[in-house]
Amino acid sequence: RGADITKGLKKVDKSQMTHKNPALRAS
C-alpha cells in the first residue's frame, strides 16, 4: 500500500496520553 499504509491509523488526543495526563496515569 506504500504511503497509504498509515491512513487507517487514528490520532491520539492529548487527554488519552498518560505521559501528558497525570490523572490518567494515576488511575
mmCIF file of all heavy atoms, coordinates in Angstrom:
data_MODEL
# 
_entry.id   MODEL 
# 
loop_
_atom_site.group_PDB 
_atom_site.id 
_atom_site.type_symbol 
_atom_site.label_atom_id 
_atom_site.label_alt_id 
_atom_site.label_comp_id 
_atom_site.label_asym_id 
_atom_site.label_entity_id 
_atom_site.label_seq_id 
_atom_site.pdbx_PDB_ins_code 
_atom_site.Cartn_x 
_atom_site.Cartn_y 
_atom_site.Cartn_z 
_atom_site.occupancy 
_atom_site.B_iso_or_equiv 
_atom_site.pdbx_formal_charge 
_atom_site.auth_seq_id 
_atom_site.auth_comp_id 
_atom_site.auth_asym_id 
_atom_site.auth_atom_id 
_atom_site.pdbx_PDB_model_num 
ATOM 1   N N   . ARG A 1 1  ? 0.808   -1.213 0.000  1.00 0.00 ? 1  ARG A N   1 
ATOM 2   C CA  . ARG A 1 1  ? 0.000   0.000  0.000  1.00 0.00 ? 1  ARG A CA  1 
ATOM 3   C C   . ARG A 1 1  ? 0.840   1.260  0.000  1.00 0.00 ? 1  ARG A C   1 
ATOM 4   O O   . ARG A 1 1  ? 0.343   2.352  -0.263 1.00 0.00 ? 1  ARG A O   1 
ATOM 5   C CB  . ARG A 1 1  ? -0.917  -0.008 1.225  1.00 0.00 ? 1  ARG A CB  1 
ATOM 6   C CG  . ARG A 1 1  ? -2.010  -1.074 1.173  1.00 0.00 ? 1  ARG A CG  1 
ATOM 7   C CD  . ARG A 1 1  ? -2.775  -1.166 2.467  1.00 0.00 ? 1  ARG A CD  1 
ATOM 8   N NE  . ARG A 1 1  ? -3.419  0.098  2.781  1.00 0.00 ? 1  ARG A NE  1 
ATOM 9   C CZ  . ARG A 1 1  ? -4.045  0.347  3.934  1.00 0.00 ? 1  ARG A CZ  1 
ATOM 10  N NH1 . ARG A 1 1  ? -4.087  -0.589 4.870  1.00 0.00 ? 1  ARG A NH1 1 
ATOM 11  N NH2 . ARG A 1 1  ? -4.611  1.513  4.153  1.00 0.00 ? 1  ARG A NH2 1 
ATOM 12  N N   . GLY A 1 2  ? 2.122   1.140  0.333  1.00 0.00 ? 2  GLY A N   1 
ATOM 13  C CA  . GLY A 1 2  ? 3.013   2.301  0.287  1.00 0.00 ? 2  GLY A CA  1 
ATOM 14  C C   . GLY A 1 2  ? 2.645   3.344  1.324  1.00 0.00 ? 2  GLY A C   1 
ATOM 15  O O   . GLY A 1 2  ? 2.448   3.056  2.507  1.00 0.00 ? 2  GLY A O   1 
ATOM 16  N N   . ALA A 1 3  ? 2.539   4.595  0.871  1.00 0.00 ? 3  ALA A N   1 
ATOM 17  C CA  . ALA A 1 3  ? 2.262   5.697  1.793  1.00 0.00 ? 3  ALA A CA  1 
ATOM 18  C C   . ALA A 1 3  ? 0.867   5.605  2.395  1.00 0.00 ? 3  ALA A C   1 
ATOM 19  O O   . ALA A 1 3  ? 0.597   6.198  3.452  1.00 0.00 ? 3  ALA A O   1 
ATOM 20  C CB  . ALA A 1 3  ? 2.433   7.034  1.076  1.00 0.00 ? 3  ALA A CB  1 
ATOM 21  N N   . ASP A 1 4  ? -0.035  4.852  1.755  1.00 0.00 ? 4  ASP A N   1 
ATOM 22  C CA  . ASP A 1 4  ? -1.404  4.754  2.262  1.00 0.00 ? 4  ASP A CA  1 
ATOM 23  C C   . ASP A 1 4  ? -1.505  3.844  3.478  1.00 0.00 ? 4  ASP A C   1 
ATOM 24  O O   . ASP A 1 4  ? -2.597  3.683  4.046  1.00 0.00 ? 4  ASP A O   1 
ATOM 25  C CB  . ASP A 1 4  ? -2.320  4.206  1.166  1.00 0.00 ? 4  ASP A CB  1 
ATOM 26  C CG  . ASP A 1 4  ? -2.439  5.194  0.002  1.00 0.00 ? 4  ASP A CG  1 
ATOM 27  O OD1 . ASP A 1 4  ? -2.199  6.393  0.240  1.00 0.00 ? 4  ASP A OD1 1 
ATOM 28  O OD2 . ASP A 1 4  ? -2.769  4.755  -1.117 1.00 0.00 ? 4  ASP A OD2 1 
ATOM 29  N N   . ILE A 1 5  ? -0.399  3.241  3.878  1.00 0.00 ? 5  ILE A N   1 
ATOM 30  C CA  . ILE A 1 5  ? -0.460  2.277  4.977  1.00 0.00 ? 5  ILE A CA  1 
ATOM 31  C C   . ILE A 1 5  ? -0.838  2.930  6.301  1.00 0.00 ? 5  ILE A C   1 
ATOM 32  O O   . ILE A 1 5  ? -1.361  2.301  7.210  1.00 0.00 ? 5  ILE A O   1 
ATOM 33  C CB  . ILE A 1 5  ? 0.894   1.535  5.101  1.00 0.00 ? 5  ILE A CB  1 
ATOM 34  C CG1 . ILE A 1 5  ? 0.728   0.287  5.965  1.00 0.00 ? 5  ILE A CG1 1 
ATOM 35  C CG2 . ILE A 1 5  ? 1.963   2.453  5.675  1.00 0.00 ? 5  ILE A CG2 1 
ATOM 36  C CD1 . ILE A 1 5  ? 1.944   -0.616 5.972  1.00 0.00 ? 5  ILE A CD1 1 
ATOM 37  N N   . THR A 1 6  ? -0.602  4.264  6.425  1.00 0.00 ? 6  THR A N   1 
ATOM 38  C CA  . THR A 1 6  ? -0.891  4.955  7.684  1.00 0.00 ? 6  THR A CA  1 
ATOM 39  C C   . THR A 1 6  ? -2.265  5.606  7.698  1.00 0.00 ? 6  THR A C   1 
ATOM 40  O O   . THR A 1 6  ? -2.634  6.237  8.691  1.00 0.00 ? 6  THR A O   1 
ATOM 41  C CB  . THR A 1 6  ? 0.173   6.037  7.935  1.00 0.00 ? 6  THR A CB  1 
ATOM 42  O OG1 . THR A 1 6  ? 0.165   6.970  6.843  1.00 0.00 ? 6  THR A OG1 1 
ATOM 43  C CG2 . THR A 1 6  ? 1.557   5.421  8.047  1.00 0.00 ? 6  THR A CG2 1 
ATOM 44  N N   . LYS A 1 7  ? -3.026  5.462  6.615  1.00 0.00 ? 7  LYS A N   1 
ATOM 45  C CA  . LYS A 1 7  ? -4.324  6.136  6.552  1.00 0.00 ? 7  LYS A CA  1 
ATOM 46  C C   . LYS A 1 7  ? -5.317  5.565  7.565  1.00 0.00 ? 7  LYS A C   1 
ATOM 47  O O   . LYS A 1 7  ? -6.229  6.257  8.009  1.00 0.00 ? 7  LYS A O   1 
ATOM 48  C CB  . LYS A 1 7  ? -4.893  6.025  5.138  1.00 0.00 ? 7  LYS A CB  1 
ATOM 49  C CG  . LYS A 1 7  ? -4.231  6.973  4.134  1.00 0.00 ? 7  LYS A CG  1 
ATOM 50  C CD  . LYS A 1 7  ? -4.945  6.940  2.797  1.00 0.00 ? 7  LYS A CD  1 
ATOM 51  C CE  . LYS A 1 7  ? -4.325  7.973  1.847  1.00 0.00 ? 7  LYS A CE  1 
ATOM 52  N NZ  . LYS A 1 7  ? -5.011  7.985  0.537  1.00 0.00 ? 7  LYS A NZ  1 
ATOM 53  N N   . GLY A 1 8  ? -5.162  4.325  7.921  1.00 0.00 ? 8  GLY A N   1 
ATOM 54  C CA  . GLY A 1 8  ? -6.111  3.715  8.841  1.00 0.00 ? 8  GLY A CA  1 
ATOM 55  C C   . GLY A 1 8  ? -5.824  3.988  10.303 1.00 0.00 ? 8  GLY A C   1 
ATOM 56  O O   . GLY A 1 8  ? -6.573  3.555  11.180 1.00 0.00 ? 8  GLY A O   1 
ATOM 57  N N   . LEU A 1 9  ? -4.709  4.685  10.604 1.00 0.00 ? 9  LEU A N   1 
ATOM 58  C CA  . LEU A 1 9  ? -4.349  4.959  11.990 1.00 0.00 ? 9  LEU A CA  1 
ATOM 59  C C   . LEU A 1 9  ? -5.186  6.107  12.554 1.00 0.00 ? 9  LEU A C   1 
ATOM 60  O O   . LEU A 1 9  ? -5.499  7.069  11.853 1.00 0.00 ? 9  LEU A O   1 
ATOM 61  C CB  . LEU A 1 9  ? -2.862  5.301  12.093 1.00 0.00 ? 9  LEU A CB  1 
ATOM 62  C CG  . LEU A 1 9  ? -1.900  4.201  11.624 1.00 0.00 ? 9  LEU A CG  1 
ATOM 63  C CD1 . LEU A 1 9  ? -0.460  4.689  11.751 1.00 0.00 ? 9  LEU A CD1 1 
ATOM 64  C CD2 . LEU A 1 9  ? -2.091  2.937  12.416 1.00 0.00 ? 9  LEU A CD2 1 
ATOM 65  N N   . LYS A 1 10 ? -5.534  5.989  13.828 1.00 0.00 ? 10 LYS A N   1 
ATOM 66  C CA  . LYS A 1 10 ? -6.304  7.032  14.489 1.00 0.00 ? 10 LYS A CA  1 
ATOM 67  C C   . LYS A 1 10 ? -5.381  7.963  15.277 1.00 0.00 ? 10 LYS A C   1 
ATOM 68  O O   . LYS A 1 10 ? -4.413  7.513  15.878 1.00 0.00 ? 10 LYS A O   1 
ATOM 69  C CB  . LYS A 1 10 ? -7.323  6.408  15.441 1.00 0.00 ? 10 LYS A CB  1 
ATOM 70  C CG  . LYS A 1 10 ? -8.387  5.572  14.734 1.00 0.00 ? 10 LYS A CG  1 
ATOM 71  C CD  . LYS A 1 10 ? -9.371  5.008  15.739 1.00 0.00 ? 10 LYS A CD  1 
ATOM 72  C CE  . LYS A 1 10 ? -10.435 4.171  15.050 1.00 0.00 ? 10 LYS A CE  1 
ATOM 73  N NZ  . LYS A 1 10 ? -11.415 3.601  16.016 1.00 0.00 ? 10 LYS A NZ  1 
ATOM 74  N N   . LYS A 1 11 ? -5.699  9.228  15.275 1.00 0.00 ? 11 LYS A N   1 
ATOM 75  C CA  . LYS A 1 11 ? -4.912  10.206 16.015 1.00 0.00 ? 11 LYS A CA  1 
ATOM 76  C C   . LYS A 1 11 ? -5.282  10.131 17.495 1.00 0.00 ? 11 LYS A C   1 
ATOM 77  O O   . LYS A 1 11 ? -6.458  10.106 17.864 1.00 0.00 ? 11 LYS A O   1 
ATOM 78  C CB  . LYS A 1 11 ? -5.158  11.611 15.480 1.00 0.00 ? 11 LYS A CB  1 
ATOM 79  C CG  . LYS A 1 11 ? -4.288  12.659 16.150 1.00 0.00 ? 11 LYS A CG  1 
ATOM 80  C CD  . LYS A 1 11 ? -4.487  14.018 15.509 1.00 0.00 ? 11 LYS A CD  1 
ATOM 81  C CE  . LYS A 1 11 ? -3.582  15.054 16.167 1.00 0.00 ? 11 LYS A CE  1 
ATOM 82  N NZ  . LYS A 1 11 ? -3.747  16.394 15.569 1.00 0.00 ? 11 LYS A NZ  1 
ATOM 83  N N   . VAL A 1 12 ? -4.255  10.097 18.350 1.00 0.00 ? 12 VAL A N   1 
ATOM 84  C CA  . VAL A 1 12 ? -4.471  10.011 19.792 1.00 0.00 ? 12 VAL A CA  1 
ATOM 85  C C   . VAL A 1 12 ? -4.534  11.414 20.373 1.00 0.00 ? 12 VAL A C   1 
ATOM 86  O O   . VAL A 1 12 ? -3.604  12.218 20.194 1.00 0.00 ? 12 VAL A O   1 
ATOM 87  C CB  . VAL A 1 12 ? -3.353  9.193  20.471 1.00 0.00 ? 12 VAL A CB  1 
ATOM 88  C CG1 . VAL A 1 12 ? -3.599  9.103  21.966 1.00 0.00 ? 12 VAL A CG1 1 
ATOM 89  C CG2 . VAL A 1 12 ? -3.277  7.804  19.860 1.00 0.00 ? 12 VAL A CG2 1 
ATOM 90  N N   . ASP A 1 13 ? -5.611  11.693 21.070 1.00 0.00 ? 13 ASP A N   1 
ATOM 91  C CA  . ASP A 1 13 ? -5.764  13.008 21.696 1.00 0.00 ? 13 ASP A CA  1 
ATOM 92  C C   . ASP A 1 13 ? -4.863  13.133 22.916 1.00 0.00 ? 13 ASP A C   1 
ATOM 93  O O   . ASP A 1 13 ? -4.507  12.137 23.547 1.00 0.00 ? 13 ASP A O   1 
ATOM 94  C CB  . ASP A 1 13 ? -7.233  13.217 22.103 1.00 0.00 ? 13 ASP A CB  1 
ATOM 95  C CG  . ASP A 1 13 ? -7.491  14.644 22.558 1.00 0.00 ? 13 ASP A CG  1 
ATOM 96  O OD1 . ASP A 1 13 ? -7.561  15.528 21.681 1.00 0.00 ? 13 ASP A OD1 1 
ATOM 97  O OD2 . ASP A 1 13 ? -7.598  14.850 23.771 1.00 0.00 ? 13 ASP A OD2 1 
ATOM 98  N N   . LYS A 1 14 ? -4.468  14.362 23.271 1.00 0.00 ? 14 LYS A N   1 
ATOM 99  C CA  . LYS A 1 14 ? -3.591  14.580 24.422 1.00 0.00 ? 14 LYS A CA  1 
ATOM 100 C C   . LYS A 1 14 ? -4.214  14.076 25.713 1.00 0.00 ? 14 LYS A C   1 
ATOM 101 O O   . LYS A 1 14 ? -3.515  13.671 26.638 1.00 0.00 ? 14 LYS A O   1 
ATOM 102 C CB  . LYS A 1 14 ? -3.246  16.066 24.547 1.00 0.00 ? 14 LYS A CB  1 
ATOM 103 C CG  . LYS A 1 14 ? -2.315  16.572 23.448 1.00 0.00 ? 14 LYS A CG  1 
ATOM 104 C CD  . LYS A 1 14 ? -1.932  18.017 23.701 1.00 0.00 ? 14 LYS A CD  1 
ATOM 105 C CE  . LYS A 1 14 ? -0.962  18.513 22.610 1.00 0.00 ? 14 LYS A CE  1 
ATOM 106 N NZ  . LYS A 1 14 ? -0.564  19.929 22.825 1.00 0.00 ? 14 LYS A NZ  1 
ATOM 107 N N   . SER A 1 15 ? -5.560  14.140 25.785 1.00 0.00 ? 15 SER A N   1 
ATOM 108 C CA  . SER A 1 15 ? -6.226  13.676 27.007 1.00 0.00 ? 15 SER A CA  1 
ATOM 109 C C   . SER A 1 15 ? -6.101  12.178 27.197 1.00 0.00 ? 15 SER A C   1 
ATOM 110 O O   . SER A 1 15 ? -6.328  11.662 28.286 1.00 0.00 ? 15 SER A O   1 
ATOM 111 C CB  . SER A 1 15 ? -7.709  14.066 26.957 1.00 0.00 ? 15 SER A CB  1 
ATOM 112 O OG  . SER A 1 15 ? -8.343  13.429 25.843 1.00 0.00 ? 15 SER A OG  1 
ATOM 113 N N   . GLN A 1 16 ? -5.715  11.447 26.126 1.00 0.00 ? 16 GLN A N   1 
ATOM 114 C CA  . GLN A 1 16 ? -5.559  10.000 26.198 1.00 0.00 ? 16 GLN A CA  1 
ATOM 115 C C   . GLN A 1 16 ? -4.115  9.569  26.389 1.00 0.00 ? 16 GLN A C   1 
ATOM 116 O O   . GLN A 1 16 ? -3.839  8.377  26.460 1.00 0.00 ? 16 GLN A O   1 
ATOM 117 C CB  . GLN A 1 16 ? -6.114  9.359  24.916 1.00 0.00 ? 16 GLN A CB  1 
ATOM 118 C CG  . GLN A 1 16 ? -7.593  9.587  24.715 1.00 0.00 ? 16 GLN A CG  1 
ATOM 119 C CD  . GLN A 1 16 ? -8.079  9.036  23.394 1.00 0.00 ? 16 GLN A CD  1 
ATOM 120 O OE1 . GLN A 1 16 ? -7.540  9.379  22.349 1.00 0.00 ? 16 GLN A OE1 1 
ATOM 121 N NE2 . GLN A 1 16 ? -9.100  8.185  23.444 1.00 0.00 ? 16 GLN A NE2 1 
ATOM 122 N N   . MET A 1 17 ? -3.193  10.549 26.447 1.00 0.00 ? 17 MET A N   1 
ATOM 123 C CA  . MET A 1 17 ? -1.775  10.243 26.608 1.00 0.00 ? 17 MET A CA  1 
ATOM 124 C C   . MET A 1 17 ? -1.417  10.235 28.091 1.00 0.00 ? 17 MET A C   1 
ATOM 125 O O   . MET A 1 17 ? -1.532  11.255 28.772 1.00 0.00 ? 17 MET A O   1 
ATOM 126 C CB  . MET A 1 17 ? -0.912  11.266 25.866 1.00 0.00 ? 17 MET A CB  1 
ATOM 127 C CG  . MET A 1 17 ? -1.176  11.344 24.374 1.00 0.00 ? 17 MET A CG  1 
ATOM 128 S SD  . MET A 1 17 ? -0.134  12.592 23.588 1.00 0.00 ? 17 MET A SD  1 
ATOM 129 C CE  . MET A 1 17 ? -0.719  12.523 21.910 1.00 0.00 ? 17 MET A CE  1 
ATOM 130 N N   . THR A 1 18 ? -0.962  9.106  28.591 1.00 0.00 ? 18 THR A N   1 
ATOM 131 C CA  . THR A 1 18 ? -0.651  9.000  30.013 1.00 0.00 ? 18 THR A CA  1 
ATOM 132 C C   . THR A 1 18 ? 0.550   9.852  30.415 1.00 0.00 ? 18 THR A C   1 
ATOM 133 O O   . THR A 1 18 ? 0.612   10.341 31.549 1.00 0.00 ? 18 THR A O   1 
ATOM 134 C CB  . THR A 1 18 ? -0.366  7.531  30.375 1.00 0.00 ? 18 THR A CB  1 
ATOM 135 O OG1 . THR A 1 18 ? 0.687   7.059  29.535 1.00 0.00 ? 18 THR A OG1 1 
ATOM 136 C CG2 . THR A 1 18 ? -1.598  6.675  30.163 1.00 0.00 ? 18 THR A CG2 1 
ATOM 137 N N   . HIS A 1 19 ? 1.526   10.063 29.485 1.00 0.00 ? 19 HIS A N   1 
ATOM 138 C CA  . HIS A 1 19 ? 2.703   10.845 29.855 1.00 0.00 ? 19 HIS A CA  1 
ATOM 139 C C   . HIS A 1 19 ? 2.406   12.332 29.927 1.00 0.00 ? 19 HIS A C   1 
ATOM 140 O O   . HIS A 1 19 ? 3.212   13.114 30.449 1.00 0.00 ? 19 HIS A O   1 
ATOM 141 C CB  . HIS A 1 19 ? 3.843   10.575 28.870 1.00 0.00 ? 19 HIS A CB  1 
ATOM 142 C CG  . HIS A 1 19 ? 3.601   11.074 27.478 1.00 0.00 ? 19 HIS A CG  1 
ATOM 143 N ND1 . HIS A 1 19 ? 2.728   10.442 26.622 1.00 0.00 ? 19 HIS A ND1 1 
ATOM 144 C CD2 . HIS A 1 19 ? 4.116   12.135 26.800 1.00 0.00 ? 19 HIS A CD2 1 
ATOM 145 C CE1 . HIS A 1 19 ? 2.708   11.076 25.462 1.00 0.00 ? 19 HIS A CE1 1 
ATOM 146 N NE2 . HIS A 1 19 ? 3.544   12.117 25.544 1.00 0.00 ? 19 HIS A NE2 1 
ATOM 147 N N   . LYS A 1 20 ? 1.241   12.769 29.378 1.00 0.00 ? 20 LYS A N   1 
ATOM 148 C CA  . LYS A 1 20 ? 0.859   14.173 29.454 1.00 0.00 ? 20 LYS A CA  1 
ATOM 149 C C   . LYS A 1 20 ? -0.364  14.390 30.352 1.00 0.00 ? 20 LYS A C   1 
ATOM 150 O O   . LYS A 1 20 ? -0.824  15.521 30.502 1.00 0.00 ? 20 LYS A O   1 
ATOM 151 C CB  . LYS A 1 20 ? 0.560   14.707 28.052 1.00 0.00 ? 20 LYS A CB  1 
ATOM 152 C CG  . LYS A 1 20 ? 1.787   14.805 27.168 1.00 0.00 ? 20 LYS A CG  1 
ATOM 153 C CD  . LYS A 1 20 ? 1.460   15.497 25.868 1.00 0.00 ? 20 LYS A CD  1 
ATOM 154 C CE  . LYS A 1 20 ? 2.724   15.660 25.004 1.00 0.00 ? 20 LYS A CE  1 
ATOM 155 N NZ  . LYS A 1 20 ? 2.443   16.376 23.741 1.00 0.00 ? 20 LYS A NZ  1 
ATOM 156 N N   . ASN A 1 21 ? -0.886  13.331 30.912 1.00 0.00 ? 21 ASN A N   1 
ATOM 157 C CA  . ASN A 1 21 ? -2.076  13.416 31.747 1.00 0.00 ? 21 ASN A CA  1 
ATOM 158 C C   . ASN A 1 21 ? -1.839  12.644 33.041 1.00 0.00 ? 21 ASN A C   1 
ATOM 159 O O   . ASN A 1 21 ? -2.078  11.438 33.104 1.00 0.00 ? 21 ASN A O   1 
ATOM 160 C CB  . ASN A 1 21 ? -3.277  12.829 30.993 1.00 0.00 ? 21 ASN A CB  1 
ATOM 161 C CG  . ASN A 1 21 ? -4.592  13.156 31.670 1.00 0.00 ? 21 ASN A CG  1 
ATOM 162 O OD1 . ASN A 1 21 ? -4.628  13.476 32.863 1.00 0.00 ? 21 ASN A OD1 1 
ATOM 163 N ND2 . ASN A 1 21 ? -5.677  13.081 30.919 1.00 0.00 ? 21 ASN A ND2 1 
ATOM 164 N N   . PRO A 1 22 ? -1.349  13.309 34.106 1.00 0.00 ? 22 PRO A N   1 
ATOM 165 C CA  . PRO A 1 22 ? -1.048  12.614 35.376 1.00 0.00 ? 22 PRO A CA  1 
ATOM 166 C C   . PRO A 1 22 ? -2.255  11.909 35.969 1.00 0.00 ? 22 PRO A C   1 
ATOM 167 O O   . PRO A 1 22 ? -2.131  10.845 36.563 1.00 0.00 ? 22 PRO A O   1 
ATOM 168 C CB  . PRO A 1 22 ? -0.541  13.741 36.281 1.00 0.00 ? 22 PRO A CB  1 
ATOM 169 C CG  . PRO A 1 22 ? -0.090  14.817 35.353 1.00 0.00 ? 22 PRO A CG  1 
ATOM 170 C CD  . PRO A 1 22 ? -0.993  14.732 34.159 1.00 0.00 ? 22 PRO A CD  1 
ATOM 171 N N   . ALA A 1 23 ? -3.436  12.528 35.826 1.00 0.00 ? 23 ALA A N   1 
ATOM 172 C CA  . ALA A 1 23 ? -4.629  11.911 36.403 1.00 0.00 ? 23 ALA A CA  1 
ATOM 173 C C   . ALA A 1 23 ? -4.922  10.562 35.754 1.00 0.00 ? 23 ALA A C   1 
ATOM 174 O O   . ALA A 1 23 ? -5.277  9.589  36.421 1.00 0.00 ? 23 ALA A O   1 
ATOM 175 C CB  . ALA A 1 23 ? -5.830  12.856 36.249 1.00 0.00 ? 23 ALA A CB  1 
ATOM 176 N N   . LEU A 1 24 ? -4.776  10.503 34.446 1.00 0.00 ? 24 LEU A N   1 
ATOM 177 C CA  . LEU A 1 24 ? -4.996  9.250  33.734 1.00 0.00 ? 24 LEU A CA  1 
ATOM 178 C C   . LEU A 1 24 ? -3.953  8.207  34.118 1.00 0.00 ? 24 LEU A C   1 
ATOM 179 O O   . LEU A 1 24 ? -4.247  7.028  34.281 1.00 0.00 ? 24 LEU A O   1 
ATOM 180 C CB  . LEU A 1 24 ? -4.970  9.498  32.219 1.00 0.00 ? 24 LEU A CB  1 
ATOM 181 C CG  . LEU A 1 24 ? -5.224  8.284  31.325 1.00 0.00 ? 24 LEU A CG  1 
ATOM 182 C CD1 . LEU A 1 24 ? -6.621  7.729  31.577 1.00 0.00 ? 24 LEU A CD1 1 
ATOM 183 C CD2 . LEU A 1 24 ? -5.043  8.653  29.863 1.00 0.00 ? 24 LEU A CD2 1 
ATOM 184 N N   . ARG A 1 25 ? -2.712  8.684  34.284 1.00 0.00 ? 25 ARG A N   1 
ATOM 185 C CA  . ARG A 1 25 ? -1.646  7.765  34.676 1.00 0.00 ? 25 ARG A CA  1 
ATOM 186 C C   . ARG A 1 25 ? -1.876  7.212  36.071 1.00 0.00 ? 25 ARG A C   1 
ATOM 187 O O   . ARG A 1 25 ? -1.597  6.053  36.350 1.00 0.00 ? 25 ARG A O   1 
ATOM 188 C CB  . ARG A 1 25 ? -0.290  8.477  34.592 1.00 0.00 ? 25 ARG A CB  1 
ATOM 189 C CG  . ARG A 1 25 ? 0.891   7.560  34.879 1.00 0.00 ? 25 ARG A CG  1 
ATOM 190 C CD  . ARG A 1 25 ? 2.198   8.188  34.472 1.00 0.00 ? 25 ARG A CD  1 
ATOM 191 N NE  . ARG A 1 25 ? 2.504   9.383  35.210 1.00 0.00 ? 25 ARG A NE  1 
ATOM 192 C CZ  . ARG A 1 25 ? 2.524   10.611 34.688 1.00 0.00 ? 25 ARG A CZ  1 
ATOM 193 N NH1 . ARG A 1 25 ? 2.230   10.771 33.401 1.00 0.00 ? 25 ARG A NH1 1 
ATOM 194 N NH2 . ARG A 1 25 ? 2.813   11.668 35.412 1.00 0.00 ? 25 ARG A NH2 1 
ATOM 195 N N   . ALA A 1 26 ? -2.407  8.048  36.975 1.00 0.00 ? 26 ALA A N   1 
ATOM 196 C CA  . ALA A 1 26 ? -2.644  7.601  38.347 1.00 0.00 ? 26 ALA A CA  1 
ATOM 197 C C   . ALA A 1 26 ? -3.765  6.578  38.418 1.00 0.00 ? 26 ALA A C   1 
ATOM 198 O O   . ALA A 1 26 ? -3.762  5.693  39.266 1.00 0.00 ? 26 ALA A O   1 
ATOM 199 C CB  . ALA A 1 26 ? -2.971  8.802  39.233 1.00 0.00 ? 26 ALA A CB  1 
ATOM 200 N N   . SER A 1 27 ? -4.755  6.698  37.510 1.00 0.00 ? 27 SER A N   1 
ATOM 201 C CA  . SER A 1 27 ? -5.883  5.774  37.527 1.00 0.00 ? 27 SER A CA  1 
ATOM 202 C C   . SER A 1 27 ? -5.624  4.493  36.758 1.00 0.00 ? 27 SER A C   1 
ATOM 203 O O   . SER A 1 27 ? -6.446  3.587  36.748 1.00 0.00 ? 27 SER A O   1 
ATOM 204 C CB  . SER A 1 27 ? -7.120  6.461  36.926 1.00 0.00 ? 27 SER A CB  1 
ATOM 205 O OG  . SER A 1 27 ? -6.872  6.784  35.561 1.00 0.00 ? 27 SER A OG  1 
# 
